[in-house]
């Protein structure tokens, strides 16, 4: 049974019928993809994530606000709307309509990393961390150009050995090792077939701390094609090859990791 812990099933490639989401779900079911966690990135997509999860058994909702959108809400005077969304997310986690916080984090590529801007994003992230701790749910972390600072923040917020998933983590080897020692998980996209960094992570991080993802419809292993969650099978095959393990055994261990985190 295969799982995709990070996808965006509400993105326009699916929702505007360029690719029929019904076909994507059917394809996933036929390939034994049993869970696809679609990520909320703003107020609108949080609602779409919940709608999709109520319609399709295999789709699960993670709710959050992407760091760039958090920043924009705060600097544009929308603190009240941000706080109301936090309450909405907390409520849906309590009611088990969502199973995780995501996609949240820090982004120092799209937002200029001045000290003031960093503080705005970190203050937002701390609020999501508190909700994740309060509800004992996984938090799915985006960390573009901010890998060291995100690790430091998570450590300061006493997240060691808690349910943290590093999405497409691109930090250097010593930071990957720090993630490992903190007991956190790293999700491996299908681009592992062509990306040495993810191959390194698959080689050196214990399988007990690995998950699979696609970031669909982005990060396709075949650039001309739109990505979809069934491509987690590509990640499984490559991880098994790198670790010199049976594909079925790798699949089972990663599925067990998913169950421990989310149930």
C-alpha atoms as a PDB file:
ATOM      1  CA  UNK A   1       0.000   0.000   0.000  1.00  0.00           C
ATOM      2  CA  UNK A   2       1.514   3.283  -1.171  1.00  0.00           C
ATOM      3  CA  UNK A   3       1.168   6.757   0.318  1.00  0.00           C
ATOM      4  CA  UNK A   4       1.785  10.325  -0.855  1.00  0.00           C
ATOM      5  CA  UNK A   5       2.208  12.640   2.125  1.00  0.00           C
ATOM      6  CA  UNK A   6       2.476  15.845   0.083  1.00  0.00           C
ATOM      7  CA  UNK A   7       0.411  16.744  -2.960  1.00  0.00           C
ATOM      8  CA  UNK A   8      -1.724  19.671  -4.155  1.00  0.00           C
ATOM      9  CA  UNK A   9      -4.865  18.092  -5.560  1.00  0.00           C
ATOM     10  CA  UNK A  10      -6.705  21.425  -5.723  1.00  0.00           C
ATOM     11  CA  UNK A  11      -4.192  23.040  -8.084  1.00  0.00           C
ATOM     12  CA  UNK A  12      -5.621  24.236 -11.414  1.00  0.00           C
ATOM     13  CA  UNK A  13      -4.046  21.425 -13.463  1.00  0.00           C
ATOM     14  CA  UNK A  14      -6.591  19.163 -11.781  1.00  0.00           C
ATOM     15  CA  UNK A  15      -9.449  21.441 -10.794  1.00  0.00           C
ATOM     16  CA  UNK A  16     -10.002  23.132 -14.170  1.00  0.00           C
ATOM     17  CA  UNK A  17     -10.281  19.760 -15.903  1.00  0.00           C
ATOM     18  CA  UNK A  18      -7.052  19.963 -17.885  1.00  0.00           C
ATOM     19  CA  UNK A  19      -6.590  16.639 -16.131  1.00  0.00           C
ATOM     20  CA  UNK A  20      -9.707  15.002 -14.744  1.00  0.00           C
ATOM     21  CA  UNK A  21      -9.265  14.480 -11.011  1.00  0.00           C
ATOM     22  CA  UNK A  22     -11.668  11.535 -11.214  1.00  0.00           C
ATOM     23  CA  UNK A  23      -9.203   9.833 -13.553  1.00  0.00           C
ATOM     24  CA  UNK A  24      -6.289  10.653 -11.262  1.00  0.00           C
ATOM     25  CA  UNK A  25      -8.068   9.163  -8.242  1.00  0.00           C
ATOM     26  CA  UNK A  26      -9.081   6.054 -10.212  1.00  0.00           C
ATOM     27  CA  UNK A  27      -5.514   5.617 -11.458  1.00  0.00           C
ATOM     28  CA  UNK A  28      -4.203   5.892  -7.888  1.00  0.00           C
ATOM     29  CA  UNK A  29      -6.734   3.382  -6.582  1.00  0.00           C
ATOM     30  CA  UNK A  30      -5.822   0.918  -9.324  1.00  0.00           C
ATOM     31  CA  UNK A  31      -2.154   1.232  -8.349  1.00  0.00           C
ATOM     32  CA  UNK A  32      -2.947   0.764  -4.642  1.00  0.00           C
ATOM     33  CA  UNK A  33      -2.232   4.317  -3.535  1.00  0.00           C
ATOM     34  CA  UNK A  34      -4.230   4.328  -0.298  1.00  0.00           C
ATOM     35  CA  UNK A  35      -3.573   7.870   0.960  1.00  0.00           C
ATOM     36  CA  UNK A  36      -2.853  11.193  -0.716  1.00  0.00           C
ATOM     37  CA  UNK A  37      -2.439  14.129   1.662  1.00  0.00           C
ATOM     38  CA  UNK A  38      -3.420  17.308  -0.136  1.00  0.00           C
ATOM     39  CA  UNK A  39      -1.940  20.485   1.316  1.00  0.00           C
ATOM     40  CA  UNK A  40      -3.749  23.677   2.160  1.00  0.00           C
ATOM     41  CA  UNK A  41      -1.733  26.781   1.284  1.00  0.00           C
ATOM     42  CA  UNK A  42      -4.261  29.549   1.936  1.00  0.00           C
ATOM     43  CA  UNK A  43      -7.853  30.086   3.072  1.00  0.00           C
ATOM     44  CA  UNK A  44      -9.375  29.002  -0.244  1.00  0.00           C
ATOM     45  CA  UNK A  45      -7.262  25.881  -0.698  1.00  0.00           C
ATOM     46  CA  UNK A  46      -7.937  24.772   2.888  1.00  0.00           C
ATOM     47  CA  UNK A  47     -11.634  24.620   1.971  1.00  0.00           C
ATOM     48  CA  UNK A  48     -10.864  22.783  -1.257  1.00  0.00           C
ATOM     49  CA  UNK A  49      -8.712  20.267   0.641  1.00  0.00           C
ATOM     50  CA  UNK A  50     -11.607  19.516   2.974  1.00  0.00           C
ATOM     51  CA  UNK A  51     -14.038  19.203   0.061  1.00  0.00           C
ATOM     52  CA  UNK A  52     -11.752  16.774  -1.750  1.00  0.00           C
ATOM     53  CA  UNK A  53     -11.163  14.701   1.378  1.00  0.00           C
ATOM     54  CA  UNK A  54     -14.910  14.394   1.961  1.00  0.00           C
ATOM     55  CA  UNK A  55     -15.487  13.310  -1.657  1.00  0.00           C
ATOM     56  CA  UNK A  56     -12.610  10.865  -2.202  1.00  0.00           C
ATOM     57  CA  UNK A  57     -11.666   8.198   0.307  1.00  0.00           C
ATOM     58  CA  UNK A  58      -7.951   8.202  -0.547  1.00  0.00           C
ATOM     59  CA  UNK A  59      -7.539  12.002  -0.270  1.00  0.00           C
ATOM     60  CA  UNK A  60      -6.757  13.364   3.206  1.00  0.00           C
ATOM     61  CA  UNK A  61      -6.584  17.035   4.171  1.00  0.00           C
ATOM     62  CA  UNK A  62      -3.640  18.898   5.658  1.00  0.00           C
ATOM     63  CA  UNK A  63      -4.525  22.494   6.497  1.00  0.00           C
ATOM     64  CA  UNK A  64      -2.129  25.415   6.645  1.00  0.00           C
ATOM     65  CA  UNK A  65      -0.980  28.665   5.073  1.00  0.00           C
ATOM     66  CA  UNK A  66       2.106  28.738   2.875  1.00  0.00           C
ATOM     67  CA  UNK A  67       4.792  31.011   4.377  1.00  0.00           C
ATOM     68  CA  UNK A  68       4.597  33.524   1.536  1.00  0.00           C
ATOM     69  CA  UNK A  69       0.838  33.835   2.015  1.00  0.00           C
ATOM     70  CA  UNK A  70       1.262  34.145   5.801  1.00  0.00           C
ATOM     71  CA  UNK A  71       3.680  36.994   5.266  1.00  0.00           C
ATOM     72  CA  UNK A  72       1.371  38.720   2.784  1.00  0.00           C
ATOM     73  CA  UNK A  73      -1.614  38.460   5.130  1.00  0.00           C
ATOM     74  CA  UNK A  74       0.287  40.045   8.022  1.00  0.00           C
ATOM     75  CA  UNK A  75       1.910  42.897   6.068  1.00  0.00           C
ATOM     76  CA  UNK A  76      -1.421  43.653   4.338  1.00  0.00           C
ATOM     77  CA  UNK A  77      -3.220  44.118   7.644  1.00  0.00           C
ATOM     78  CA  UNK A  78      -5.068  40.807   7.641  1.00  0.00           C
ATOM     79  CA  UNK A  79      -4.003  39.628  11.098  1.00  0.00           C
ATOM     80  CA  UNK A  80      -7.653  39.064  12.077  1.00  0.00           C
ATOM     81  CA  UNK A  81      -8.282  36.835   9.041  1.00  0.00           C
ATOM     82  CA  UNK A  82      -5.083  34.922   9.789  1.00  0.00           C
ATOM     83  CA  UNK A  83      -6.111  34.325  13.408  1.00  0.00           C
ATOM     84  CA  UNK A  84      -9.603  33.254  12.313  1.00  0.00           C
ATOM     85  CA  UNK A  85      -8.055  30.738   9.930  1.00  0.00           C
ATOM     86  CA  UNK A  86      -5.930  29.331  12.742  1.00  0.00           C
ATOM     87  CA  UNK A  87      -9.135  28.744  14.718  1.00  0.00           C
ATOM     88  CA  UNK A  88     -10.732  27.118  11.668  1.00  0.00           C
ATOM     89  CA  UNK A  89      -7.748  24.776  11.274  1.00  0.00           C
ATOM     90  CA  UNK A  90      -7.732  23.914  14.972  1.00  0.00           C
ATOM     91  CA  UNK A  91     -11.478  23.125  14.859  1.00  0.00           C
ATOM     92  CA  UNK A  92     -11.142  20.817  11.841  1.00  0.00           C
ATOM     93  CA  UNK A  93      -8.234  18.965  13.416  1.00  0.00           C
ATOM     94  CA  UNK A  94     -10.259  18.458  16.598  1.00  0.00           C
ATOM     95  CA  UNK A  95     -13.175  17.144  14.544  1.00  0.00           C
ATOM     96  CA  UNK A  96     -10.821  14.799  12.619  1.00  0.00           C
ATOM     97  CA  UNK A  97     -11.778  16.347   9.279  1.00  0.00           C
ATOM     98  CA  UNK A  98      -8.089  17.118   8.707  1.00  0.00           C
ATOM     99  CA  UNK A  99      -5.141  14.950   9.715  1.00  0.00           C
ATOM    100  CA  UNK A 100      -2.152  17.332   9.639  1.00  0.00           C
ATOM    101  CA  UNK A 101      -0.845  20.896   9.500  1.00  0.00           C
ATOM    102  CA  UNK A 102       0.602  21.722   6.111  1.00  0.00           C
ATOM    103  CA  UNK A 103       2.019  23.330   4.063  1.00  0.00           C
ATOM    104  CA  UNK A 104       3.743  25.722   6.461  1.00  0.00           C
ATOM    105  CA  UNK A 105       7.288  26.905   7.100  1.00  0.00           C
ATOM    106  CA  UNK A 106       9.798  29.550   6.044  1.00  0.00           C
ATOM    107  CA  UNK A 107      10.666  30.810   2.577  1.00  0.00           C
ATOM    108  CA  UNK A 108      13.714  33.034   2.171  1.00  0.00           C
ATOM    109  CA  UNK A 109      13.690  32.819  -1.619  1.00  0.00           C
ATOM    110  CA  UNK A 110      10.336  34.416  -2.429  1.00  0.00           C
ATOM    111  CA  UNK A 111      10.417  36.781   0.559  1.00  0.00           C
ATOM    112  CA  UNK A 112      13.502  38.946   1.151  1.00  0.00           C
ATOM    113  CA  UNK A 113      15.111  37.563   4.343  1.00  0.00           C
ATOM    114  CA  UNK A 114      15.402  40.786   6.322  1.00  0.00           C
ATOM    115  CA  UNK A 115      15.235  40.347  10.091  1.00  0.00           C
ATOM    116  CA  UNK A 116      11.766  41.927  10.140  1.00  0.00           C
ATOM    117  CA  UNK A 117      10.469  39.634   7.401  1.00  0.00           C
ATOM    118  CA  UNK A 118      11.977  36.581   9.061  1.00  0.00           C
ATOM    119  CA  UNK A 119      10.275  37.482  12.328  1.00  0.00           C
ATOM    120  CA  UNK A 120       6.886  37.777  10.633  1.00  0.00           C
ATOM    121  CA  UNK A 121       7.193  34.314   9.078  1.00  0.00           C
ATOM    122  CA  UNK A 122       8.601  32.743  12.246  1.00  0.00           C
ATOM    123  CA  UNK A 123       5.824  34.173  14.400  1.00  0.00           C
ATOM    124  CA  UNK A 124       3.275  32.689  11.997  1.00  0.00           C
ATOM    125  CA  UNK A 125       5.013  29.312  12.002  1.00  0.00           C
ATOM    126  CA  UNK A 126       5.132  29.218  15.807  1.00  0.00           C
ATOM    127  CA  UNK A 127       1.344  29.447  15.870  1.00  0.00           C
ATOM    128  CA  UNK A 128       1.054  26.453  13.558  1.00  0.00           C
ATOM    129  CA  UNK A 129       3.540  24.527  15.692  1.00  0.00           C
ATOM    130  CA  UNK A 130       1.426  25.209  18.765  1.00  0.00           C
ATOM    131  CA  UNK A 131      -1.688  23.885  17.027  1.00  0.00           C
ATOM    132  CA  UNK A 132       0.189  20.777  15.880  1.00  0.00           C
ATOM    133  CA  UNK A 133       1.400  20.102  19.425  1.00  0.00           C
ATOM    134  CA  UNK A 134      -2.009  20.784  20.919  1.00  0.00           C
ATOM    135  CA  UNK A 135      -3.705  18.292  18.584  1.00  0.00           C
ATOM    136  CA  UNK A 136      -0.769  15.854  18.380  1.00  0.00           C
ATOM    137  CA  UNK A 137      -0.786  15.865  14.582  1.00  0.00           C
ATOM    138  CA  UNK A 138       2.063  15.931  12.047  1.00  0.00           C
ATOM    139  CA  UNK A 139       3.321  19.273  10.773  1.00  0.00           C
ATOM    140  CA  UNK A 140       4.533  19.297   7.152  1.00  0.00           C
ATOM    141  CA  UNK A 141       7.376  21.766   6.704  1.00  0.00           C
ATOM    142  CA  UNK A 142       8.447  23.889   3.733  1.00  0.00           C
ATOM    143  CA  UNK A 143      11.965  25.308   4.156  1.00  0.00           C
ATOM    144  CA  UNK A 144      13.245  27.054   1.041  1.00  0.00           C
ATOM    145  CA  UNK A 145      16.645  28.691   1.614  1.00  0.00           C
ATOM    146  CA  UNK A 146      15.862  28.524   5.361  1.00  0.00           C
ATOM    147  CA  UNK A 147      16.849  24.993   6.321  1.00  0.00           C
ATOM    148  CA  UNK A 148      19.134  25.833   9.248  1.00  0.00           C
ATOM    149  CA  UNK A 149      16.773  28.398  10.749  1.00  0.00           C
ATOM    150  CA  UNK A 150      13.775  26.107  10.462  1.00  0.00           C
ATOM    151  CA  UNK A 151      15.640  23.369  12.330  1.00  0.00           C
ATOM    152  CA  UNK A 152      16.690  25.839  15.027  1.00  0.00           C
ATOM    153  CA  UNK A 153      13.128  27.126  15.384  1.00  0.00           C
ATOM    154  CA  UNK A 154      11.654  23.630  15.637  1.00  0.00           C
ATOM    155  CA  UNK A 155      14.251  22.741  18.275  1.00  0.00           C
ATOM    156  CA  UNK A 156      13.511  25.921  20.237  1.00  0.00           C
ATOM    157  CA  UNK A 157       9.798  25.079  20.115  1.00  0.00           C
ATOM    158  CA  UNK A 158      10.524  21.670  21.678  1.00  0.00           C
ATOM    159  CA  UNK A 159       9.641  19.662  18.590  1.00  0.00           C
ATOM    160  CA  UNK A 160      12.400  17.064  18.976  1.00  0.00           C
ATOM    161  CA  UNK A 161      10.978  13.563  18.556  1.00  0.00           C
ATOM    162  CA  UNK A 162       7.586  14.977  17.622  1.00  0.00           C
ATOM    163  CA  UNK A 163       5.641  14.527  14.389  1.00  0.00           C
ATOM    164  CA  UNK A 164       7.625  16.672  11.951  1.00  0.00           C
ATOM    165  CA  UNK A 165       7.835  15.954   8.206  1.00  0.00           C
ATOM    166  CA  UNK A 166      10.428  17.773   6.140  1.00  0.00           C
ATOM    167  CA  UNK A 167       8.948  18.201   2.652  1.00  0.00           C
ATOM    168  CA  UNK A 168      11.531  18.059  -0.164  1.00  0.00           C
ATOM    169  CA  UNK A 169      14.275  19.024   2.284  1.00  0.00           C
ATOM    170  CA  UNK A 170      17.279  20.460   0.431  1.00  0.00           C
ATOM    171  CA  UNK A 171      19.577  21.204   3.375  1.00  0.00           C
ATOM    172  CA  UNK A 172      23.183  20.051   3.340  1.00  0.00           C
ATOM    173  CA  UNK A 173      24.346  16.727   4.726  1.00  0.00           C
ATOM    174  CA  UNK A 174      25.034  17.986   8.249  1.00  0.00           C
ATOM    175  CA  UNK A 175      21.515  19.421   8.386  1.00  0.00           C
ATOM    176  CA  UNK A 176      20.009  16.156   7.131  1.00  0.00           C
ATOM    177  CA  UNK A 177      21.884  14.453   9.965  1.00  0.00           C
ATOM    178  CA  UNK A 178      20.491  16.969  12.439  1.00  0.00           C
ATOM    179  CA  UNK A 179      16.971  16.247  11.174  1.00  0.00           C
ATOM    180  CA  UNK A 180      17.636  12.534  11.633  1.00  0.00           C
ATOM    181  CA  UNK A 181      18.926  12.990  15.188  1.00  0.00           C
ATOM    182  CA  UNK A 182      15.844  15.050  16.054  1.00  0.00           C
ATOM    183  CA  UNK A 183      13.679  12.069  15.140  1.00  0.00           C
ATOM    184  CA  UNK A 184      11.923  13.826  12.266  1.00  0.00           C
ATOM    185  CA  UNK A 185      10.848  12.413   8.904  1.00  0.00           C
ATOM    186  CA  UNK A 186      11.960  13.272   5.383  1.00  0.00           C
ATOM    187  CA  UNK A 187       9.623  12.753   2.435  1.00  0.00           C
ATOM    188  CA  UNK A 188      11.217  11.648  -0.830  1.00  0.00           C
ATOM    189  CA  UNK A 189       9.746  12.880  -4.151  1.00  0.00           C
ATOM    190  CA  UNK A 190       9.766  10.964  -7.421  1.00  0.00           C
ATOM    191  CA  UNK A 191      12.517  13.290  -8.677  1.00  0.00           C
ATOM    192  CA  UNK A 192      14.872  11.087  -6.646  1.00  0.00           C
ATOM    193  CA  UNK A 193      15.513   9.294  -9.937  1.00  0.00           C
ATOM    194  CA  UNK A 194      17.476  12.309 -11.174  1.00  0.00           C
ATOM    195  CA  UNK A 195      18.428  14.213  -8.016  1.00  0.00           C
ATOM    196  CA  UNK A 196      21.611  13.209  -6.212  1.00  0.00           C
ATOM    197  CA  UNK A 197      20.600  15.003  -3.024  1.00  0.00           C
ATOM    198  CA  UNK A 198      17.482  12.872  -2.507  1.00  0.00           C
ATOM    199  CA  UNK A 199      19.476   9.776  -3.385  1.00  0.00           C
ATOM    200  CA  UNK A 200      21.871  10.679  -0.588  1.00  0.00           C
ATOM    201  CA  UNK A 201      18.991  11.104   1.865  1.00  0.00           C
ATOM    202  CA  UNK A 202      17.546   7.727   0.841  1.00  0.00           C
ATOM    203  CA  UNK A 203      20.950   6.119   1.357  1.00  0.00           C
ATOM    204  CA  UNK A 204      21.904   7.610   4.714  1.00  0.00           C
ATOM    205  CA  UNK A 205      18.618   8.197   6.561  1.00  0.00           C
ATOM    206  CA  UNK A 206      17.084   5.110   8.205  1.00  0.00           C
ATOM    207  CA  UNK A 207      14.036   3.781   6.399  1.00  0.00           C
ATOM    208  CA  UNK A 208      12.125   4.224   9.657  1.00  0.00           C
ATOM    209  CA  UNK A 209      12.346   8.006   9.071  1.00  0.00           C
ATOM    210  CA  UNK A 210      11.451   8.133   5.383  1.00  0.00           C
ATOM    211  CA  UNK A 211       8.144   8.822   3.640  1.00  0.00           C
ATOM    212  CA  UNK A 212       7.149   9.211  -0.012  1.00  0.00           C
ATOM    213  CA  UNK A 213       5.605  12.237  -1.713  1.00  0.00           C
ATOM    214  CA  UNK A 214       5.117  13.734  -5.173  1.00  0.00           C
ATOM    215  CA  UNK A 215       4.295  17.442  -4.637  1.00  0.00           C
ATOM    216  CA  UNK A 216       1.821  16.878  -7.498  1.00  0.00           C
ATOM    217  CA  UNK A 217       1.196  18.451  -9.904  1.00  0.00           C
ATOM    218  CA  UNK A 218       4.731  19.819  -9.500  1.00  0.00           C
ATOM    219  CA  UNK A 219       8.112  18.006  -9.458  1.00  0.00           C
ATOM    220  CA  UNK A 220       7.283  15.497 -12.152  1.00  0.00           C
ATOM    221  CA  UNK A 221      10.074  12.978 -12.778  1.00  0.00           C
ATOM    222  CA  UNK A 222       9.248  13.544 -16.464  1.00  0.00           C
ATOM    223  CA  UNK A 223       9.276  17.336 -16.975  1.00  0.00           C
ATOM    224  CA  UNK A 224       6.870  17.311 -19.936  1.00  0.00           C
ATOM    225  CA  UNK A 225       4.178  15.553 -17.876  1.00  0.00           C
ATOM    226  CA  UNK A 226       2.027  16.772 -15.014  1.00  0.00           C
ATOM    227  CA  UNK A 227       2.930  14.873 -11.851  1.00  0.00           C
ATOM    228  CA  UNK A 228       0.374  12.728 -10.016  1.00  0.00           C
ATOM    229  CA  UNK A 229       0.421  10.761  -6.732  1.00  0.00           C
ATOM    230  CA  UNK A 230       0.843   7.361  -8.403  1.00  0.00           C
ATOM    231  CA  UNK A 231       4.467   8.358  -9.020  1.00  0.00           C
ATOM    232  CA  UNK A 232       5.299   7.590  -5.372  1.00  0.00           C
ATOM    233  CA  UNK A 233       5.910   4.105  -6.757  1.00  0.00           C
ATOM    234  CA  UNK A 234       8.927   5.555  -8.562  1.00  0.00           C
ATOM    235  CA  UNK A 235      10.287   6.785  -5.217  1.00  0.00           C
ATOM    236  CA  UNK A 236       9.756   3.344  -3.671  1.00  0.00           C
ATOM    237  CA  UNK A 237      11.610   1.600  -6.483  1.00  0.00           C
ATOM    238  CA  UNK A 238      14.582   3.959  -6.249  1.00  0.00           C
ATOM    239  CA  UNK A 239      14.763   3.822  -2.435  1.00  0.00           C
ATOM    240  CA  UNK A 240      14.702   0.008  -2.605  1.00  0.00           C
ATOM    241  CA  UNK A 241      17.477   0.036  -5.200  1.00  0.00           C
ATOM    242  CA  UNK A 242      19.650   2.422  -3.158  1.00  0.00           C
ATOM    243  CA  UNK A 243      19.180   0.486   0.081  1.00  0.00           C
ATOM    244  CA  UNK A 244      19.445  -2.886  -1.690  1.00  0.00           C
ATOM    245  CA  UNK A 245      16.120  -3.983  -0.258  1.00  0.00           C
ATOM    246  CA  UNK A 246      13.003  -5.694  -1.554  1.00  0.00           C
ATOM    247  CA  UNK A 247      10.464  -3.170  -2.915  1.00  0.00           C
ATOM    248  CA  UNK A 248       7.622  -4.771  -0.972  1.00  0.00           C
ATOM    249  CA  UNK A 249       9.558  -4.499   2.291  1.00  0.00           C
ATOM    250  CA  UNK A 250      10.322  -0.814   1.625  1.00  0.00           C
ATOM    251  CA  UNK A 251       6.654  -0.196   0.805  1.00  0.00           C
ATOM    252  CA  UNK A 252       5.494  -1.856   4.015  1.00  0.00           C
ATOM    253  CA  UNK A 253       7.932   0.027   6.248  1.00  0.00           C
ATOM    254  CA  UNK A 254       7.036   3.402   4.733  1.00  0.00           C
ATOM    255  CA  UNK A 255       3.334   2.611   5.075  1.00  0.00           C
ATOM    256  CA  UNK A 256       3.939   1.724   8.731  1.00  0.00           C
ATOM    257  CA  UNK A 257       5.736   5.070   9.174  1.00  0.00           C
ATOM    258  CA  UNK A 258       2.664   6.796   7.780  1.00  0.00           C
ATOM    259  CA  UNK A 259       0.354   4.931  10.146  1.00  0.00           C
ATOM    260  CA  UNK A 260       2.491   5.758  13.199  1.00  0.00           C
ATOM    261  CA  UNK A 261       2.451   9.444  12.327  1.00  0.00           C
ATOM    262  CA  UNK A 262      -1.135   9.944  11.244  1.00  0.00           C
ATOM    263  CA  UNK A 263      -3.128   7.405  13.275  1.00  0.00           C
END
